[in-house]
Amino acid sequence: MKLIWLILVLIEFACLNLTGQITQKEKISPEKAKSNSQTEQKILQLEKEFFNAKLENNVKFMEMFFADDFVSTNQFGHVRNKAQSLAFWKGFKPRSLTLDSLKVILESDTTALVEGYQTENGEKFSISHRLINHNDTWQIITQVQKFPEFQKFYGAGNYKITGYLRGAEGVAVSL
């Protein structure tokens, strides 16, 4: 069971290494702030469309929204690539689904992180979506869902990634 949770952590932290991080806040102009606000609203709108696509099994939207090398890890530790995720959503329809506390963190002009909570069929868990902007189109590249107990058990910031290969294979995490 710990291995499954380690995989969840691994994917999220590995994606930080892939997309880079902003380590220092810089002052931005009012024009840039307005642009950022518009970008955040655009991303939130895409997240709402993704949410509705889940409710309606709209695989066509998901196919457009998922990047080619999309990887999803759900709250039970199941890891799926784009093709596997699309196949899953063709046959899965949640009985109930709600979102709350979504926030967008723009890391750069080409990467963003969306965090929040989702309740699916009565079970609440955190969600983390990493998005990339390619040719002015935002796509989700990773999705990680975690039960709150995972965060309580493992804590925050106690992980060290010791290796990463594309596609979440061959990753080692140390606690």
C-alpha atoms as a PDB file:
ATOM      1  CA  MET A   1       0.000   0.000   0.000  1.00  0.00           C
ATOM      2  CA  LYS A   2       2.864   2.352   0.795  1.00  0.00           C
ATOM      3  CA  LEU A   3       4.222   1.719  -2.698  1.00  0.00           C
ATOM      4  CA  ILE A   4       1.008   2.983  -4.256  1.00  0.00           C
ATOM      5  CA  TRP A   5       1.166   6.179  -2.242  1.00  0.00           C
ATOM      6  CA  LEU A   6       4.818   6.602  -3.092  1.00  0.00           C
ATOM      7  CA  ILE A   7       3.942   6.401  -6.777  1.00  0.00           C
ATOM      8  CA  LEU A   8       1.414   9.199  -6.279  1.00  0.00           C
ATOM      9  CA  VAL A   9       4.028  11.402  -4.675  1.00  0.00           C
ATOM     10  CA  LEU A  10       6.578  10.460  -7.262  1.00  0.00           C
ATOM     11  CA  ILE A  11       4.462  11.502 -10.213  1.00  0.00           C
ATOM     12  CA  GLU A  12       3.619  14.893  -8.733  1.00  0.00           C
ATOM     13  CA  PHE A  13       7.192  15.685  -7.733  1.00  0.00           C
ATOM     14  CA  ALA A  14       8.622  14.290 -10.956  1.00  0.00           C
ATOM     15  CA  CYS A  15       6.379  16.623 -12.896  1.00  0.00           C
ATOM     16  CA  LEU A  16       7.822  19.523 -10.957  1.00  0.00           C
ATOM     17  CA  ASN A  17      11.219  18.478 -12.299  1.00  0.00           C
ATOM     18  CA  LEU A  18       9.858  18.238 -15.857  1.00  0.00           C
ATOM     19  CA  THR A  19       8.095  21.566 -15.971  1.00  0.00           C
ATOM     20  CA  GLY A  20      10.361  23.578 -13.715  1.00  0.00           C
ATOM     21  CA  GLN A  21       9.491  25.737 -10.769  1.00  0.00           C
ATOM     22  CA  ILE A  22       9.483  29.414 -10.038  1.00  0.00           C
ATOM     23  CA  THR A  23      11.680  29.847  -7.004  1.00  0.00           C
ATOM     24  CA  GLN A  24      11.620  33.608  -6.660  1.00  0.00           C
ATOM     25  CA  LYS A  25       8.629  35.905  -6.872  1.00  0.00           C
ATOM     26  CA  GLU A  26       9.117  38.840  -9.166  1.00  0.00           C
ATOM     27  CA  LYS A  27       7.174  42.071  -9.357  1.00  0.00           C
ATOM     28  CA  ILE A  28       4.800  42.118 -12.274  1.00  0.00           C
ATOM     29  CA  SER A  29       3.256  44.999 -14.143  1.00  0.00           C
ATOM     30  CA  PRO A  30      -0.499  45.684 -14.018  1.00  0.00           C
ATOM     31  CA  GLU A  31      -0.720  44.513 -17.646  1.00  0.00           C
ATOM     32  CA  LYS A  32       0.942  41.207 -16.767  1.00  0.00           C
ATOM     33  CA  ALA A  33      -1.305  40.821 -13.715  1.00  0.00           C
ATOM     34  CA  LYS A  34      -4.382  41.320 -15.925  1.00  0.00           C
ATOM     35  CA  SER A  35      -3.018  38.800 -18.420  1.00  0.00           C
ATOM     36  CA  ASN A  36      -2.368  36.326 -15.591  1.00  0.00           C
ATOM     37  CA  SER A  37      -5.901  36.814 -14.299  1.00  0.00           C
ATOM     38  CA  GLN A  38      -7.305  36.124 -17.765  1.00  0.00           C
ATOM     39  CA  THR A  39      -5.114  33.027 -18.065  1.00  0.00           C
ATOM     40  CA  GLU A  40      -6.244  31.784 -14.651  1.00  0.00           C
ATOM     41  CA  GLN A  41      -9.890  32.282 -15.668  1.00  0.00           C
ATOM     42  CA  LYS A  42      -9.278  30.416 -18.936  1.00  0.00           C
ATOM     43  CA  ILE A  43      -7.725  27.511 -17.031  1.00  0.00           C
ATOM     44  CA  LEU A  44     -10.576  27.449 -14.486  1.00  0.00           C
ATOM     45  CA  GLN A  45     -13.039  27.357 -17.377  1.00  0.00           C
ATOM     46  CA  LEU A  46     -11.184  24.380 -18.873  1.00  0.00           C
ATOM     47  CA  GLU A  47     -11.286  22.660 -15.471  1.00  0.00           C
ATOM     48  CA  LYS A  48     -15.062  23.198 -15.319  1.00  0.00           C
ATOM     49  CA  GLU A  49     -15.403  21.778 -18.821  1.00  0.00           C
ATOM     50  CA  PHE A  50     -13.285  18.787 -17.752  1.00  0.00           C
ATOM     51  CA  PHE A  51     -15.537  18.335 -14.708  1.00  0.00           C
ATOM     52  CA  ASN A  52     -18.642  18.374 -16.944  1.00  0.00           C
ATOM     53  CA  ALA A  53     -16.944  15.998 -19.386  1.00  0.00           C
ATOM     54  CA  LYS A  54     -16.523  13.500 -16.531  1.00  0.00           C
ATOM     55  CA  LEU A  55     -20.212  13.765 -15.661  1.00  0.00           C
ATOM     56  CA  GLU A  56     -21.269  13.341 -19.298  1.00  0.00           C
ATOM     57  CA  ASN A  57     -18.600  10.840 -20.402  1.00  0.00           C
ATOM     58  CA  ASN A  58     -17.482  13.409 -22.985  1.00  0.00           C
ATOM     59  CA  VAL A  59     -14.371  11.563 -24.127  1.00  0.00           C
ATOM     60  CA  LYS A  60     -14.054  13.861 -27.144  1.00  0.00           C
ATOM     61  CA  PHE A  61     -13.313  16.825 -24.854  1.00  0.00           C
ATOM     62  CA  MET A  62     -10.912  14.734 -22.767  1.00  0.00           C
ATOM     63  CA  GLU A  63      -9.032  13.626 -25.866  1.00  0.00           C
ATOM     64  CA  MET A  64      -8.404  17.287 -26.696  1.00  0.00           C
ATOM     65  CA  PHE A  65      -7.656  18.316 -23.092  1.00  0.00           C
ATOM     66  CA  PHE A  66      -5.226  15.480 -22.248  1.00  0.00           C
ATOM     67  CA  ALA A  67      -1.680  16.045 -23.525  1.00  0.00           C
ATOM     68  CA  ASP A  68      -0.241  13.190 -25.587  1.00  0.00           C
ATOM     69  CA  ASP A  69       1.946  12.066 -22.656  1.00  0.00           C
ATOM     70  CA  PHE A  70      -0.805  12.554 -20.050  1.00  0.00           C
ATOM     71  CA  VAL A  71      -0.472  10.453 -16.886  1.00  0.00           C
ATOM     72  CA  SER A  72      -3.175  10.103 -14.245  1.00  0.00           C
ATOM     73  CA  THR A  73      -2.860   8.571 -10.790  1.00  0.00           C
ATOM     74  CA  ASN A  74      -6.140   8.217  -8.965  1.00  0.00           C
ATOM     75  CA  GLN A  75      -6.780   8.105  -5.243  1.00  0.00           C
ATOM     76  CA  PHE A  76      -6.398   4.308  -5.229  1.00  0.00           C
ATOM     77  CA  GLY A  77      -2.984   4.381  -6.911  1.00  0.00           C
ATOM     78  CA  HIS A  78      -4.118   3.321 -10.401  1.00  0.00           C
ATOM     79  CA  VAL A  79      -1.820   4.873 -12.993  1.00  0.00           C
ATOM     80  CA  ARG A  80      -3.178   5.430 -16.502  1.00  0.00           C
ATOM     81  CA  ASN A  81      -1.790   7.031 -19.647  1.00  0.00           C
ATOM     82  CA  LYS A  82      -3.925   9.004 -22.080  1.00  0.00           C
ATOM     83  CA  ALA A  83      -5.314   6.008 -23.979  1.00  0.00           C
ATOM     84  CA  GLN A  84      -6.088   4.109 -20.778  1.00  0.00           C
ATOM     85  CA  SER A  85      -7.745   7.163 -19.231  1.00  0.00           C
ATOM     86  CA  LEU A  86      -9.931   7.724 -22.281  1.00  0.00           C
ATOM     87  CA  ALA A  87     -10.964   4.054 -22.260  1.00  0.00           C
ATOM     88  CA  PHE A  88     -11.755   4.319 -18.547  1.00  0.00           C
ATOM     89  CA  TRP A  89     -13.972   7.389 -19.007  1.00  0.00           C
ATOM     90  CA  LYS A  90     -15.874   5.736 -21.854  1.00  0.00           C
ATOM     91  CA  GLY A  91     -17.194   3.198 -19.361  1.00  0.00           C
ATOM     92  CA  PHE A  92     -17.195   5.004 -16.006  1.00  0.00           C
ATOM     93  CA  LYS A  93     -19.867   7.451 -14.919  1.00  0.00           C
ATOM     94  CA  PRO A  94     -19.703   8.761 -11.361  1.00  0.00           C
ATOM     95  CA  ARG A  95     -22.962   8.663  -9.397  1.00  0.00           C
ATOM     96  CA  SER A  96     -22.077  12.019  -7.860  1.00  0.00           C
ATOM     97  CA  LEU A  97     -19.235  14.459  -8.390  1.00  0.00           C
ATOM     98  CA  THR A  98     -18.479  17.855  -6.857  1.00  0.00           C
ATOM     99  CA  LEU A  99     -15.503  20.222  -6.951  1.00  0.00           C
ATOM    100  CA  ASP A 100     -14.499  22.818  -4.425  1.00  0.00           C
ATOM    101  CA  SER A 101     -11.669  25.179  -3.522  1.00  0.00           C
ATOM    102  CA  LEU A 102     -10.051  25.126  -6.961  1.00  0.00           C
ATOM    103  CA  LYS A 103      -7.080  27.440  -7.309  1.00  0.00           C
ATOM    104  CA  VAL A 104      -4.742  28.083 -10.206  1.00  0.00           C
ATOM    105  CA  ILE A 105      -1.036  28.677  -9.674  1.00  0.00           C
ATOM    106  CA  LEU A 106       0.675  30.051 -12.769  1.00  0.00           C
ATOM    107  CA  GLU A 107       4.254  28.845 -12.644  1.00  0.00           C
ATOM    108  CA  SER A 108       5.292  30.337 -15.968  1.00  0.00           C
ATOM    109  CA  ASP A 109       3.781  31.310 -19.303  1.00  0.00           C
ATOM    110  CA  THR A 110       3.661  27.624 -20.228  1.00  0.00           C
ATOM    111  CA  THR A 111       2.955  25.762 -16.972  1.00  0.00           C
ATOM    112  CA  ALA A 112       0.237  25.935 -14.348  1.00  0.00           C
ATOM    113  CA  LEU A 113      -0.885  23.913 -11.370  1.00  0.00           C
ATOM    114  CA  VAL A 114      -4.542  23.523 -10.402  1.00  0.00           C
ATOM    115  CA  GLU A 115      -5.285  22.302  -6.898  1.00  0.00           C
ATOM    116  CA  GLY A 116      -8.521  21.689  -5.074  1.00  0.00           C
ATOM    117  CA  TYR A 117     -10.855  19.022  -3.765  1.00  0.00           C
ATOM    118  CA  GLN A 118     -13.230  16.633  -5.461  1.00  0.00           C
ATOM    119  CA  THR A 119     -15.918  14.474  -3.942  1.00  0.00           C
ATOM    120  CA  GLU A 120     -16.748  11.469  -6.077  1.00  0.00           C
ATOM    121  CA  ASN A 121     -19.457   9.025  -5.040  1.00  0.00           C
ATOM    122  CA  GLY A 122     -19.197  10.313  -1.460  1.00  0.00           C
ATOM    123  CA  GLU A 123     -15.397  10.135  -1.099  1.00  0.00           C
ATOM    124  CA  LYS A 124     -13.471  13.401  -0.810  1.00  0.00           C
ATOM    125  CA  PHE A 125      -9.885  13.698  -2.018  1.00  0.00           C
ATOM    126  CA  SER A 126      -7.468  16.353  -3.151  1.00  0.00           C
ATOM    127  CA  ILE A 127      -6.748  16.861  -6.821  1.00  0.00           C
ATOM    128  CA  SER A 128      -3.680  18.278  -8.464  1.00  0.00           C
ATOM    129  CA  HIS A 129      -3.541  18.946 -12.202  1.00  0.00           C
ATOM    130  CA  ARG A 130      -0.407  20.124 -13.957  1.00  0.00           C
ATOM    131  CA  LEU A 131      -1.149  21.908 -17.233  1.00  0.00           C
ATOM    132  CA  ILE A 132       1.111  22.930 -20.082  1.00  0.00           C
ATOM    133  CA  ASN A 133       0.511  25.566 -22.716  1.00  0.00           C
ATOM    134  CA  HIS A 134       1.513  24.379 -26.163  1.00  0.00           C
ATOM    135  CA  ASN A 135       0.801  26.665 -29.138  1.00  0.00           C
ATOM    136  CA  ASP A 136      -1.615  28.732 -27.014  1.00  0.00           C
ATOM    137  CA  THR A 137      -3.589  25.635 -26.010  1.00  0.00           C
ATOM    138  CA  TRP A 138      -3.678  24.549 -22.376  1.00  0.00           C
ATOM    139  CA  GLN A 139      -3.604  20.787 -21.814  1.00  0.00           C
ATOM    140  CA  ILE A 140      -3.418  18.666 -18.713  1.00  0.00           C
ATOM    141  CA  ILE A 141      -0.243  16.595 -18.508  1.00  0.00           C
ATOM    142  CA  THR A 142      -0.625  15.031 -15.051  1.00  0.00           C
ATOM    143  CA  GLN A 143      -3.481  14.402 -12.701  1.00  0.00           C
ATOM    144  CA  VAL A 144      -2.940  13.203  -9.136  1.00  0.00           C
ATOM    145  CA  GLN A 145      -5.764  12.461  -6.721  1.00  0.00           C
ATOM    146  CA  LYS A 146      -5.012  11.769  -3.040  1.00  0.00           C
ATOM    147  CA  PHE A 147      -7.059  10.928   0.012  1.00  0.00           C
ATOM    148  CA  PRO A 148      -6.408  13.385   2.862  1.00  0.00           C
ATOM    149  CA  GLU A 149      -5.102  10.477   4.983  1.00  0.00           C
ATOM    150  CA  PHE A 150      -2.157  10.154   2.591  1.00  0.00           C
ATOM    151  CA  GLN A 151      -1.054  13.689   3.314  1.00  0.00           C
ATOM    152  CA  LYS A 152      -1.508  13.181   7.069  1.00  0.00           C
ATOM    153  CA  PHE A 153       0.444   9.910   7.026  1.00  0.00           C
ATOM    154  CA  TYR A 154       3.377  10.988   4.859  1.00  0.00           C
ATOM    155  CA  GLY A 155       3.375  14.713   5.623  1.00  0.00           C
ATOM    156  CA  ALA A 156       4.557  17.377   3.221  1.00  0.00           C
ATOM    157  CA  GLY A 157       8.062  17.850   1.892  1.00  0.00           C
ATOM    158  CA  ASN A 158       9.561  14.626   3.238  1.00  0.00           C
ATOM    159  CA  TYR A 159      10.329  13.090  -0.142  1.00  0.00           C
ATOM    160  CA  LYS A 160      13.441  12.878  -2.238  1.00  0.00           C
ATOM    161  CA  ILE A 161      13.202  11.859  -5.873  1.00  0.00           C
ATOM    162  CA  THR A 162      16.190   9.729  -6.745  1.00  0.00           C
ATOM    163  CA  GLY A 163      15.370   8.975 -10.378  1.00  0.00           C
ATOM    164  CA  TYR A 164      12.842   9.566 -13.118  1.00  0.00           C
ATOM    165  CA  LEU A 165      12.137   8.162 -16.565  1.00  0.00           C
ATOM    166  CA  ARG A 166       9.384   9.573 -18.804  1.00  0.00           C
ATOM    167  CA  GLY A 167       6.060   7.867 -18.359  1.00  0.00           C
ATOM    168  CA  ALA A 168       6.502   7.400 -14.591  1.00  0.00           C
ATOM    169  CA  GLU A 169       8.551   4.245 -15.009  1.00  0.00           C
ATOM    170  CA  GLY A 170      11.719   3.546 -13.107  1.00  0.00           C
ATOM    171  CA  VAL A 171      11.150   6.128 -10.416  1.00  0.00           C
ATOM    172  CA  ALA A 172      12.553   5.810  -6.944  1.00  0.00           C
ATOM    173  CA  VAL A 173      11.376   7.834  -3.976  1.00  0.00           C
ATOM    174  CA  SER A 174      13.050   7.985  -0.580  1.00  0.00           C
ATOM    175  CA  LEU A 175      11.348   8.971   2.633  1.00  0.00           C
END
